[in-house]
Amino acid sequence: MRILANTLVAFVALEHFGFLVLEMFLWTEPVGLRTFGLTPELAQQTAALAANQGLYNGFLATGLIWGLMRKSDGFAIKVFFLSCVVVAGVFGALTAKASILYVQGAPALLALILLFLSREK
């Protein structure tokens, strides 16, 4: 169970590194326009905001990787950053696009549940 939990934590981290790349570097490119359903004009106008958002996604990913690398306090670090991702997923679903809950929030919630189920007592 622990291997599955940590695999899902790594998946969430990789997913957020992917969001970083999309939002910081590909926002105004064809792949970014298609992914987020943007017009070139809107993408240009919001590029700085997207880059800021991408940077935050990078921080989340880095925190999850940090948690995976730690032995003694890794559990608490993973719980904190996964909880941040879940909250961001819920907020994004409520304020931007419902699919964010499934793409971002659900994998993090599942990882969090598995993490608690695999915890050593």
Protein backbone atom coordinates (compact mmCIF):
# COMPACT_ATOMS: atom_id res chain seq x y z
CA MET A 1 0.00 0.00 0.00
CA ARG A 2 2.87 2.38 0.79
CA ILE A 3 4.37 1.89 -2.68
CA LEU A 4 1.01 2.63 -4.29
CA ALA A 5 0.55 5.74 -2.11
CA ASN A 6 4.02 7.05 -2.94
CA THR A 7 3.53 6.26 -6.63
CA LEU A 8 0.37 8.35 -6.62
CA VAL A 9 2.16 11.16 -4.74
CA ALA A 10 4.83 11.09 -7.46
CA PHE A 11 2.10 11.17 -10.13
CA VAL A 12 0.55 14.27 -8.53
CA ALA A 13 4.00 15.89 -8.40
CA LEU A 14 4.65 15.13 -12.08
CA GLU A 15 1.21 16.40 -12.98
CA HIS A 16 1.98 19.71 -11.28
CA PHE A 17 5.37 20.00 -12.97
CA GLY A 18 3.41 19.53 -16.19
CA PHE A 19 1.07 22.35 -15.18
CA LEU A 20 4.14 24.52 -14.53
CA VAL A 21 5.41 23.90 -18.06
CA LEU A 22 2.00 24.51 -19.63
CA GLU A 23 1.33 27.70 -17.69
CA MET A 24 4.81 29.22 -17.68
CA PHE A 25 6.15 28.26 -21.09
CA LEU A 26 3.35 27.00 -23.35
CA TRP A 27 0.45 29.29 -22.39
CA THR A 28 0.55 31.26 -25.66
CA GLU A 29 1.61 28.30 -27.82
CA PRO A 30 -0.85 26.09 -29.73
CA VAL A 31 -0.76 23.35 -27.08
CA GLY A 32 -1.52 25.87 -24.34
CA LEU A 33 -4.29 27.50 -26.33
CA ARG A 34 -5.92 24.11 -26.98
CA THR A 35 -5.46 22.85 -23.41
CA PHE A 36 -7.03 25.89 -21.81
CA GLY A 37 -9.43 26.87 -24.62
CA LEU A 38 -7.91 30.32 -25.05
CA THR A 39 -7.79 32.74 -27.92
CA PRO A 40 -4.32 34.04 -28.78
CA GLU A 41 -5.38 37.51 -27.61
CA LEU A 42 -6.60 36.31 -24.21
CA ALA A 43 -3.51 34.16 -23.79
CA GLN A 44 -1.27 37.17 -24.40
CA GLN A 45 -3.25 39.29 -21.94
CA THR A 46 -3.13 36.64 -19.20
CA ALA A 47 0.37 35.22 -19.76
CA ALA A 48 1.88 36.86 -16.67
CA LEU A 49 -0.96 35.57 -14.47
CA ALA A 50 -0.57 32.08 -15.91
CA ALA A 51 3.18 32.15 -15.29
CA ASN A 52 2.56 33.08 -11.66
CA GLN A 53 0.06 30.23 -11.35
CA GLY A 54 2.56 27.86 -12.97
CA LEU A 55 5.20 28.86 -10.47
CA TYR A 56 2.86 27.95 -7.60
CA ASN A 57 2.20 24.57 -9.22
CA GLY A 58 5.95 24.07 -9.31
CA PHE A 59 6.15 24.78 -5.58
CA LEU A 60 3.46 22.17 -4.92
CA ALA A 61 5.31 19.61 -7.03
CA THR A 62 8.61 20.38 -5.34
CA GLY A 63 7.03 20.00 -1.91
CA LEU A 64 5.65 16.59 -2.84
CA ILE A 65 9.04 15.43 -4.14
CA TRP A 66 10.63 16.75 -0.94
CA GLY A 67 8.14 14.70 1.07
CA LEU A 68 8.97 11.59 -0.95
CA MET A 69 12.68 12.09 -0.28
CA ARG A 70 12.32 12.51 3.49
CA LYS A 71 12.10 9.54 5.81
CA SER A 72 11.38 10.88 9.29
CA ASP A 73 8.99 13.72 8.51
CA GLY A 74 8.05 12.82 4.94
CA PHE A 75 4.53 11.81 5.93
CA ALA A 76 3.69 15.24 7.33
CA ILE A 77 5.22 17.02 4.34
CA LYS A 78 3.25 14.88 1.87
CA VAL A 79 0.03 15.40 3.85
CA PHE A 80 0.53 19.16 3.84
CA PHE A 81 1.25 19.48 0.12
CA LEU A 82 -1.43 16.99 -0.95
CA SER A 83 -3.92 18.91 1.19
CA CYS A 84 -2.88 22.11 -0.58
CA VAL A 85 -3.50 20.44 -3.94
CA VAL A 86 -6.92 19.18 -2.84
CA VAL A 87 -7.92 22.67 -1.66
CA ALA A 88 -6.62 24.20 -4.90
CA GLY A 89 -8.59 21.63 -6.88
CA VAL A 90 -11.82 22.40 -5.04
CA PHE A 91 -11.26 26.15 -5.35
CA GLY A 92 -10.42 25.84 -9.05
CA ALA A 93 -13.54 23.76 -9.66
CA LEU A 94 -15.71 26.33 -7.91
CA THR A 95 -14.16 29.41 -9.52
CA ALA A 96 -12.78 28.36 -12.91
CA LYS A 97 -13.66 24.97 -14.38
CA ALA A 98 -15.35 21.92 -12.82
CA SER A 99 -12.92 19.50 -14.47
CA ILE A 100 -10.12 20.84 -12.26
CA LEU A 101 -11.65 18.89 -9.40
CA TYR A 102 -11.14 15.63 -11.30
CA VAL A 103 -7.80 16.40 -12.93
CA GLN A 104 -6.11 18.01 -9.94
CA GLY A 105 -8.13 17.40 -6.79
CA ALA A 106 -9.16 13.75 -7.17
CA PRO A 107 -5.66 12.26 -7.67
CA ALA A 108 -4.37 14.26 -4.69
CA LEU A 109 -7.29 13.16 -2.52
CA LEU A 110 -6.76 9.53 -3.49
CA ALA A 111 -3.04 9.84 -2.73
CA LEU A 112 -3.89 11.40 0.64
CA ILE A 113 -6.28 8.56 1.51
CA LEU A 114 -3.75 5.91 0.48
CA LEU A 115 -1.05 7.71 2.42
CA PHE A 116 -3.11 7.54 5.61
CA LEU A 117 -4.07 3.90 4.99
CA SER A 118 -0.41 2.93 4.54
CA ARG A 119 0.86 4.85 7.56
CA GLU A 120 2.91 2.92 10.08
CA LYS A 121 1.48 3.01 13.55
